[in-house]
Amino acid sequence: MTDHVLVVEDEESYRDSLRYIFEREGFRVTLAATGRQGIDAFERDGADVVLLDLMLPEVPGTEVFRAIRARSAVPIIMVTARDDQIDKIIGLELGADDYVTKPYSGRELVARVRNVLRRTDQALAGIPDEPTRLTVSGFTLDPERLTVTRDGVVRPMPPKEFALLHLLASNAGRVLTRQVIIDRVWGADYYGDTKTLDVHIKRLRSRIEEAPGNPRFVQTVRGVGYTFEP
C-alpha cells in the first residue's frame, strides 16, 4: 500500500517542491498551509508520517505536534527555517522522531522519511503474524476454533473478523492506523476499497458490543484508525 505523508508547511514553494518530490517517489501527499489546516487534515485523513514546520500561522507547530500526538503515535519529522539549537531541543523534547533544518535536500528528506517509516515497521514487527490464544477484558479468543468467549457465551466468528479483533485486542490501548490494520489483516498487497475495514468493524461491533452504536471496546480514532479499549 502507498505510504501517506502529510506536509504542514506555510511556504508555498516548499509545499509544491515536497509534493513533487514525494509523489515522484511513490508517496500519497496531503498538503496543509497553516497549523489549523494541518490538524484538520490529520483528523480527516490521518497519515503514515508527518512533516511539520515549527513556524506556522494560526496554530504554531508545537501545538500542532501536541494535537496530533494526542491522537496517534504516527512518526513526526519537525522542520524549521532556523538553525537554532533551542528549536531542535524543543522538537526533540516534544518527542519528534527526527528534525531537519531548511534548506534541505529532497533526497535527504525522502531518506529520513523512509528511515522513520522503517523504524515504525520494525516496532510493529512485534505483533505476531499468527494469532495465539488470548484473554483480555473478559474475552477469550481461540484462533484454532475461531471463537470468542465471554461470560460463558461462545461466539463463532468469520476469519477476517476474528483476525481483526485479535489484532486490536492483542494491542489493547494502542491506536492502530487503518493502514497497519489493513496490512496485517488483509495483507500488504491488498488493493481493494479501504471501506471494507469499516464494514468489518461494524460487523465486529455487532457481535461483541452490547450497544454497537455506542461501542465500549472497539473505538474509532477519527482520521487515524481504531483501538481496543481494555
C-alpha atoms as a PDB file:
ATOM      1  CA  MET A   1       0.000   0.000   0.000  1.00  0.00           C
ATOM      2  CA  THR A   2       1.146   3.569  -0.701  1.00  0.00           C
ATOM      3  CA  ASP A   3       2.639   5.466   2.240  1.00  0.00           C
ATOM      4  CA  HIS A   4       0.836   8.728   3.026  1.00  0.00           C
ATOM      5  CA  VAL A   5       2.814  11.825   4.015  1.00  0.00           C
ATOM      6  CA  LEU A   6       1.150  14.927   5.457  1.00  0.00           C
ATOM      7  CA  VAL A   7       3.173  18.103   4.814  1.00  0.00           C
ATOM      8  CA  VAL A   8       2.310  21.043   7.090  1.00  0.00           C
ATOM      9  CA  GLU A   9       4.270  23.948   5.599  1.00  0.00           C
ATOM     10  CA  ASP A  10       3.322  27.613   5.154  1.00  0.00           C
ATOM     11  CA  GLU A  11       5.775  28.423   2.341  1.00  0.00           C
ATOM     12  CA  GLU A  12       4.158  27.643  -0.995  1.00  0.00           C
ATOM     13  CA  SER A  13       7.462  26.981  -2.793  1.00  0.00           C
ATOM     14  CA  TYR A  14       8.398  24.315  -0.247  1.00  0.00           C
ATOM     15  CA  ARG A  15       4.922  22.746  -0.367  1.00  0.00           C
ATOM     16  CA  ASP A  16       4.978  22.476  -4.141  1.00  0.00           C
ATOM     17  CA  SER A  17       8.508  21.104  -4.136  1.00  0.00           C
ATOM     18  CA  LEU A  18       7.701  18.492  -1.492  1.00  0.00           C
ATOM     19  CA  ARG A  19       4.580  17.367  -3.325  1.00  0.00           C
ATOM     20  CA  TYR A  20       6.631  16.829  -6.481  1.00  0.00           C
ATOM     21  CA  ILE A  21       9.468  15.039  -4.666  1.00  0.00           C
ATOM     22  CA  PHE A  22       7.295  12.652  -2.669  1.00  0.00           C
ATOM     23  CA  GLU A  23       4.801  11.891  -5.419  1.00  0.00           C
ATOM     24  CA  ARG A  24       7.743  11.075  -7.702  1.00  0.00           C
ATOM     25  CA  GLU A  25       8.919   8.616  -5.021  1.00  0.00           C
ATOM     26  CA  GLY A  26       5.504   6.933  -4.930  1.00  0.00           C
ATOM     27  CA  PHE A  27       4.020   8.553  -1.807  1.00  0.00           C
ATOM     28  CA  ARG A  28       0.494   9.870  -1.435  1.00  0.00           C
ATOM     29  CA  VAL A  29       0.770  13.522  -0.350  1.00  0.00           C
ATOM     30  CA  THR A  30      -1.561  15.830   1.559  1.00  0.00           C
ATOM     31  CA  LEU A  31      -0.592  19.500   1.908  1.00  0.00           C
ATOM     32  CA  ALA A  32      -1.584  21.970   4.633  1.00  0.00           C
ATOM     33  CA  ALA A  33      -0.576  25.651   4.673  1.00  0.00           C
ATOM     34  CA  THR A  34      -1.450  26.507   8.280  1.00  0.00           C
ATOM     35  CA  GLY A  35      -1.392  24.815  11.648  1.00  0.00           C
ATOM     36  CA  ARG A  36      -5.181  24.658  11.739  1.00  0.00           C
ATOM     37  CA  GLN A  37      -5.298  23.061   8.284  1.00  0.00           C
ATOM     38  CA  GLY A  38      -2.688  20.544   9.414  1.00  0.00           C
ATOM     39  CA  ILE A  39      -4.748  19.433  12.410  1.00  0.00           C
ATOM     40  CA  ASP A  40      -7.920  19.249  10.319  1.00  0.00           C
ATOM     41  CA  ALA A  41      -6.170  17.273   7.571  1.00  0.00           C
ATOM     42  CA  PHE A  42      -4.829  14.737  10.073  1.00  0.00           C
ATOM     43  CA  GLU A  43      -8.207  14.344  11.760  1.00  0.00           C
ATOM     44  CA  ARG A  44      -9.848  13.853   8.365  1.00  0.00           C
ATOM     45  CA  ASP A  45      -7.385  11.557   6.570  1.00  0.00           C
ATOM     46  CA  GLY A  46      -4.628  10.579   9.011  1.00  0.00           C
ATOM     47  CA  ALA A  47      -1.113   9.942   7.674  1.00  0.00           C
ATOM     48  CA  ASP A  48       1.740   7.453   7.896  1.00  0.00           C
ATOM     49  CA  VAL A  49       4.266  10.229   8.566  1.00  0.00           C
ATOM     50  CA  VAL A  50       4.013  13.994   9.165  1.00  0.00           C
ATOM     51  CA  LEU A  51       6.466  16.681   8.014  1.00  0.00           C
ATOM     52  CA  LEU A  52       5.733  19.578  10.353  1.00  0.00           C
ATOM     53  CA  ASP A  53       7.161  23.091  10.140  1.00  0.00           C
ATOM     54  CA  LEU A  54       7.640  24.754  13.534  1.00  0.00           C
ATOM     55  CA  MET A  55       6.858  28.270  12.282  1.00  0.00           C
ATOM     56  CA  LEU A  56       3.215  28.227  11.167  1.00  0.00           C
ATOM     57  CA  PRO A  57       0.368  30.740  11.023  1.00  0.00           C
ATOM     58  CA  GLU A  58      -2.845  30.340  13.051  1.00  0.00           C
ATOM     59  CA  VAL A  59      -1.570  27.490  15.236  1.00  0.00           C
ATOM     60  CA  PRO A  60       2.166  27.083  15.996  1.00  0.00           C
ATOM     61  CA  GLY A  61       3.939  23.883  15.047  1.00  0.00           C
ATOM     62  CA  THR A  62       4.405  22.857  18.683  1.00  0.00           C
ATOM     63  CA  GLU A  63       0.639  22.916  19.245  1.00  0.00           C
ATOM     64  CA  VAL A  64       0.001  21.018  16.002  1.00  0.00           C
ATOM     65  CA  PHE A  65       2.501  18.421  17.226  1.00  0.00           C
ATOM     66  CA  ARG A  66       0.683  18.049  20.542  1.00  0.00           C
ATOM     67  CA  ALA A  67      -2.717  17.812  18.835  1.00  0.00           C
ATOM     68  CA  ILE A  68      -1.540  15.042  16.503  1.00  0.00           C
ATOM     69  CA  ARG A  69       0.372  13.197  19.215  1.00  0.00           C
ATOM     70  CA  ALA A  70      -2.719  13.222  21.451  1.00  0.00           C
ATOM     71  CA  ARG A  71      -4.465  11.168  18.772  1.00  0.00           C
ATOM     72  CA  SER A  72      -1.707   8.978  17.395  1.00  0.00           C
ATOM     73  CA  ALA A  73       1.892   7.770  17.640  1.00  0.00           C
ATOM     74  CA  VAL A  74       2.401   8.483  13.922  1.00  0.00           C
ATOM     75  CA  PRO A  75       6.047   9.482  13.234  1.00  0.00           C
ATOM     76  CA  ILE A  76       6.582  13.256  13.033  1.00  0.00           C
ATOM     77  CA  ILE A  77       9.597  14.995  11.493  1.00  0.00           C
ATOM     78  CA  MET A  78       9.989  18.588  12.663  1.00  0.00           C
ATOM     79  CA  VAL A  79      11.177  21.233  10.170  1.00  0.00           C
ATOM     80  CA  THR A  80      12.426  24.774  10.844  1.00  0.00           C
ATOM     81  CA  ALA A  81      13.945  27.558   8.790  1.00  0.00           C
ATOM     82  CA  ARG A  82      16.323  28.452  11.627  1.00  0.00           C
ATOM     83  CA  ASP A  83      19.450  26.517  12.517  1.00  0.00           C
ATOM     84  CA  ASP A  84      18.643  27.133  16.147  1.00  0.00           C
ATOM     85  CA  GLN A  85      19.698  24.703  18.867  1.00  0.00           C
ATOM     86  CA  ILE A  86      16.753  25.827  21.011  1.00  0.00           C
ATOM     87  CA  ASP A  87      14.283  24.876  18.264  1.00  0.00           C
ATOM     88  CA  LYS A  88      15.959  21.483  17.931  1.00  0.00           C
ATOM     89  CA  ILE A  89      15.757  20.896  21.672  1.00  0.00           C
ATOM     90  CA  ILE A  90      12.075  21.891  21.693  1.00  0.00           C
ATOM     91  CA  GLY A  91      11.317  19.486  18.847  1.00  0.00           C
ATOM     92  CA  LEU A  92      13.162  16.572  20.382  1.00  0.00           C
ATOM     93  CA  GLU A  93      11.743  17.202  23.867  1.00  0.00           C
ATOM     94  CA  LEU A  94       8.252  17.098  22.387  1.00  0.00           C
ATOM     95  CA  GLY A  95       9.097  13.633  21.080  1.00  0.00           C
ATOM     96  CA  ALA A  96       9.758  14.310  17.394  1.00  0.00           C
ATOM     97  CA  ASP A  97      11.076  11.279  15.514  1.00  0.00           C
ATOM     98  CA  ASP A  98      13.537  13.397  13.547  1.00  0.00           C
ATOM     99  CA  TYR A  99      14.482  17.016  12.900  1.00  0.00           C
ATOM    100  CA  VAL A 100      15.619  18.869   9.757  1.00  0.00           C
ATOM    101  CA  THR A 101      16.625  22.462   9.060  1.00  0.00           C
ATOM    102  CA  LYS A 102      15.905  24.431   5.887  1.00  0.00           C
ATOM    103  CA  PRO A 103      17.313  24.428   3.330  1.00  0.00           C
ATOM    104  CA  TYR A 104      17.389  20.655   2.984  1.00  0.00           C
ATOM    105  CA  SER A 105      17.879  18.397   0.001  1.00  0.00           C
ATOM    106  CA  GLY A 106      14.908  16.451  -1.320  1.00  0.00           C
ATOM    107  CA  ARG A 107      16.941  13.260  -1.399  1.00  0.00           C
ATOM    108  CA  GLU A 108      17.924  13.650   2.268  1.00  0.00           C
ATOM    109  CA  LEU A 109      14.337  14.326   3.323  1.00  0.00           C
ATOM    110  CA  VAL A 110      12.986  11.280   1.477  1.00  0.00           C
ATOM    111  CA  ALA A 111      15.716   9.184   3.121  1.00  0.00           C
ATOM    112  CA  ARG A 112      14.753  10.486   6.561  1.00  0.00           C
ATOM    113  CA  VAL A 113      11.067   9.759   5.938  1.00  0.00           C
ATOM    114  CA  ARG A 114      11.818   6.234   4.767  1.00  0.00           C
ATOM    115  CA  ASN A 115      14.006   5.759   7.831  1.00  0.00           C
ATOM    116  CA  VAL A 116      11.312   6.707  10.351  1.00  0.00           C
ATOM    117  CA  LEU A 117       8.776   4.577   8.488  1.00  0.00           C
ATOM    118  CA  ARG A 118      11.213   1.655   8.602  1.00  0.00           C
ATOM    119  CA  ARG A 119      11.626   2.105  12.358  1.00  0.00           C
ATOM    120  CA  THR A 120       7.846   2.167  12.764  1.00  0.00           C
ATOM    121  CA  ASP A 121       7.510  -1.045  10.739  1.00  0.00           C
ATOM    122  CA  GLN A 122      10.179  -2.682  12.886  1.00  0.00           C
ATOM    123  CA  ALA A 123       8.323  -1.695  16.043  1.00  0.00           C
ATOM    124  CA  LEU A 124       5.148  -3.212  14.638  1.00  0.00           C
ATOM    125  CA  ALA A 125       7.033  -6.376  13.827  1.00  0.00           C
ATOM    126  CA  GLY A 126       6.449  -7.292  17.449  1.00  0.00           C
ATOM    127  CA  ILE A 127       2.817  -8.004  16.554  1.00  0.00           C
ATOM    128  CA  PRO A 128       2.658 -11.764  15.935  1.00  0.00           C
ATOM    129  CA  ASP A 129       1.688 -12.790  12.395  1.00  0.00           C
ATOM    130  CA  GLU A 130      -0.052 -15.935  13.670  1.00  0.00           C
ATOM    131  CA  PRO A 131      -2.755 -15.336  16.297  1.00  0.00           C
ATOM    132  CA  THR A 132      -2.296 -17.086  19.638  1.00  0.00           C
ATOM    133  CA  ARG A 133      -4.890 -17.812  22.326  1.00  0.00           C
ATOM    134  CA  LEU A 134      -5.600 -14.537  24.076  1.00  0.00           C
ATOM    135  CA  THR A 135      -7.611 -13.368  27.078  1.00  0.00           C
ATOM    136  CA  VAL A 136      -8.296  -9.656  27.547  1.00  0.00           C
ATOM    137  CA  SER A 137     -11.112  -7.667  29.194  1.00  0.00           C
ATOM    138  CA  GLY A 138     -13.073 -10.869  29.828  1.00  0.00           C
ATOM    139  CA  PHE A 139     -12.828 -12.027  26.201  1.00  0.00           C
ATOM    140  CA  THR A 140     -11.059 -15.284  25.367  1.00  0.00           C
ATOM    141  CA  LEU A 141     -10.037 -15.602  21.714  1.00  0.00           C
ATOM    142  CA  ASP A 142      -9.341 -19.098  20.392  1.00  0.00           C
ATOM    143  CA  PRO A 143      -7.625 -18.968  16.961  1.00  0.00           C
ATOM    144  CA  GLU A 144      -7.956 -22.704  16.362  1.00  0.00           C
ATOM    145  CA  ARG A 145     -11.734 -22.697  16.754  1.00  0.00           C
ATOM    146  CA  LEU A 146     -12.257 -19.083  15.592  1.00  0.00           C
ATOM    147  CA  THR A 147     -14.379 -18.421  18.656  1.00  0.00           C
ATOM    148  CA  VAL A 148     -14.691 -15.603  21.170  1.00  0.00           C
ATOM    149  CA  THR A 149     -15.901 -16.494  24.658  1.00  0.00           C
ATOM    150  CA  ARG A 150     -17.216 -14.022  27.220  1.00  0.00           C
ATOM    151  CA  ASP A 151     -19.375 -14.599  30.284  1.00  0.00           C
ATOM    152  CA  GLY A 152     -19.601 -18.262  29.339  1.00  0.00           C
ATOM    153  CA  VAL A 153     -21.064 -17.492  25.915  1.00  0.00           C
ATOM    154  CA  VAL A 154     -19.109 -18.887  22.946  1.00  0.00           C
ATOM    155  CA  ARG A 155     -19.429 -16.927  19.720  1.00  0.00           C
ATOM    156  CA  PRO A 156     -18.059 -18.347  16.440  1.00  0.00           C
ATOM    157  CA  MET A 157     -16.628 -15.635  14.198  1.00  0.00           C
ATOM    158  CA  PRO A 158     -15.749 -15.342  10.493  1.00  0.00           C
ATOM    159  CA  PRO A 159     -11.964 -15.471   9.890  1.00  0.00           C
ATOM    160  CA  LYS A 160     -11.478 -11.812   8.952  1.00  0.00           C
ATOM    161  CA  GLU A 161     -13.499 -10.503  11.876  1.00  0.00           C
ATOM    162  CA  PHE A 162     -11.637 -12.813  14.242  1.00  0.00           C
ATOM    163  CA  ALA A 163      -8.275 -11.660  12.857  1.00  0.00           C
ATOM    164  CA  LEU A 164      -9.372  -8.031  13.202  1.00  0.00           C
ATOM    165  CA  LEU A 165     -10.473  -8.474  16.817  1.00  0.00           C
ATOM    166  CA  HIS A 166      -7.338 -10.446  17.689  1.00  0.00           C
ATOM    167  CA  LEU A 167      -5.078  -7.743  16.238  1.00  0.00           C
ATOM    168  CA  LEU A 168      -6.846  -4.954  18.114  1.00  0.00           C
ATOM    169  CA  ALA A 169      -7.189  -6.883  21.385  1.00  0.00           C
ATOM    170  CA  SER A 170      -3.552  -8.007  21.389  1.00  0.00           C
ATOM    171  CA  ASN A 171      -2.631  -4.304  21.182  1.00  0.00           C
ATOM    172  CA  ALA A 172      -5.227  -3.135  23.727  1.00  0.00           C
ATOM    173  CA  GLY A 173      -4.915   0.565  24.489  1.00  0.00           C
ATOM    174  CA  ARG A 174      -2.763   1.190  21.411  1.00  0.00           C
ATOM    175  CA  VAL A 175      -4.072   3.079  18.383  1.00  0.00           C
ATOM    176  CA  LEU A 176      -3.500   1.159  15.152  1.00  0.00           C
ATOM    177  CA  THR A 177      -3.719   3.103  11.905  1.00  0.00           C
ATOM    178  CA  ARG A 178      -6.041   1.971   9.160  1.00  0.00           C
ATOM    179  CA  GLN A 179      -3.009   1.139   7.027  1.00  0.00           C
ATOM    180  CA  VAL A 180      -1.448  -1.097   9.678  1.00  0.00           C
ATOM    181  CA  ILE A 181      -4.742  -2.929  10.231  1.00  0.00           C
ATOM    182  CA  ILE A 182      -5.288  -3.490   6.508  1.00  0.00           C
ATOM    183  CA  ASP A 183      -1.708  -4.698   6.019  1.00  0.00           C
ATOM    184  CA  ARG A 184      -1.988  -7.133   8.934  1.00  0.00           C
ATOM    185  CA  VAL A 185      -5.481  -8.489   8.299  1.00  0.00           C
ATOM    186  CA  TRP A 186      -5.801  -8.304   4.509  1.00  0.00           C
ATOM    187  CA  GLY A 187      -2.109  -8.337   3.564  1.00  0.00           C
ATOM    188  CA  ALA A 188       0.306  -5.673   2.272  1.00  0.00           C
ATOM    189  CA  ASP A 189      -0.647  -6.487  -1.330  1.00  0.00           C
ATOM    190  CA  TYR A 190      -4.345  -5.691  -0.762  1.00  0.00           C
ATOM    191  CA  TYR A 191      -5.563  -3.030  -3.204  1.00  0.00           C
ATOM    192  CA  GLY A 192      -9.308  -3.136  -2.609  1.00  0.00           C
ATOM    193  CA  ASP A 193     -11.594  -0.493  -1.138  1.00  0.00           C
ATOM    194  CA  THR A 194     -10.436   0.558   2.328  1.00  0.00           C
ATOM    195  CA  LYS A 195     -14.124   0.933   3.268  1.00  0.00           C
ATOM    196  CA  THR A 196     -14.011  -2.849   3.661  1.00  0.00           C
ATOM    197  CA  LEU A 197     -12.330  -2.243   7.005  1.00  0.00           C
ATOM    198  CA  ASP A 198     -15.206  -0.056   8.205  1.00  0.00           C
ATOM    199  CA  VAL A 199     -17.744  -2.697   7.187  1.00  0.00           C
ATOM    200  CA  HIS A 200     -15.876  -5.379   9.137  1.00  0.00           C
ATOM    201  CA  ILE A 201     -15.558  -3.110  12.174  1.00  0.00           C
ATOM    202  CA  LYS A 202     -19.321  -2.571  12.103  1.00  0.00           C
ATOM    203  CA  ARG A 203     -19.959  -6.319  11.909  1.00  0.00           C
ATOM    204  CA  LEU A 204     -17.428  -6.983  14.662  1.00  0.00           C
ATOM    205  CA  ARG A 205     -19.115  -4.490  16.969  1.00  0.00           C
ATOM    206  CA  SER A 206     -22.494  -6.123  16.323  1.00  0.00           C
ATOM    207  CA  ARG A 207     -21.024  -9.397  17.625  1.00  0.00           C
ATOM    208  CA  ILE A 208     -19.187  -8.245  20.759  1.00  0.00           C
ATOM    209  CA  GLU A 209     -20.665  -4.915  21.859  1.00  0.00           C
ATOM    210  CA  GLU A 210     -23.793  -4.561  23.982  1.00  0.00           C
ATOM    211  CA  ALA A 211     -24.531  -1.269  22.203  1.00  0.00           C
ATOM    212  CA  PRO A 212     -22.816  -1.397  18.772  1.00  0.00           C
ATOM    213  CA  GLY A 213     -23.777   2.217  18.072  1.00  0.00           C
ATOM    214  CA  ASN A 214     -22.008   3.310  21.250  1.00  0.00           C
ATOM    215  CA  PRO A 215     -19.127   0.810  21.475  1.00  0.00           C
ATOM    216  CA  ARG A 216     -17.305   0.138  24.727  1.00  0.00           C
ATOM    217  CA  PHE A 217     -14.348  -1.847  23.377  1.00  0.00           C
ATOM    218  CA  VAL A 218     -13.672  -1.180  19.673  1.00  0.00           C
ATOM    219  CA  GLN A 219     -13.202   2.581  19.468  1.00  0.00           C
ATOM    220  CA  THR A 220     -12.743   4.773  16.401  1.00  0.00           C
ATOM    221  CA  VAL A 221      -9.869   7.264  16.481  1.00  0.00           C
ATOM    222  CA  ARG A 222     -11.027   9.783  13.922  1.00  0.00           C
ATOM    223  CA  GLY A 223      -8.723  10.268  10.975  1.00  0.00           C
ATOM    224  CA  VAL A 224      -6.280   7.637  12.260  1.00  0.00           C
ATOM    225  CA  GLY A 225      -7.712   4.178  12.811  1.00  0.00           C
ATOM    226  CA  TYR A 226      -9.046   2.046  15.656  1.00  0.00           C
ATOM    227  CA  THR A 227      -8.162   0.907  19.148  1.00  0.00           C
ATOM    228  CA  PHE A 228      -9.384  -1.734  21.587  1.00  0.00           C
ATOM    229  CA  GLU A 229     -10.079  -0.156  24.971  1.00  0.00           C
ATOM    230  CA  PRO A 230      -9.389  -2.670  27.791  1.00  0.00           C
END
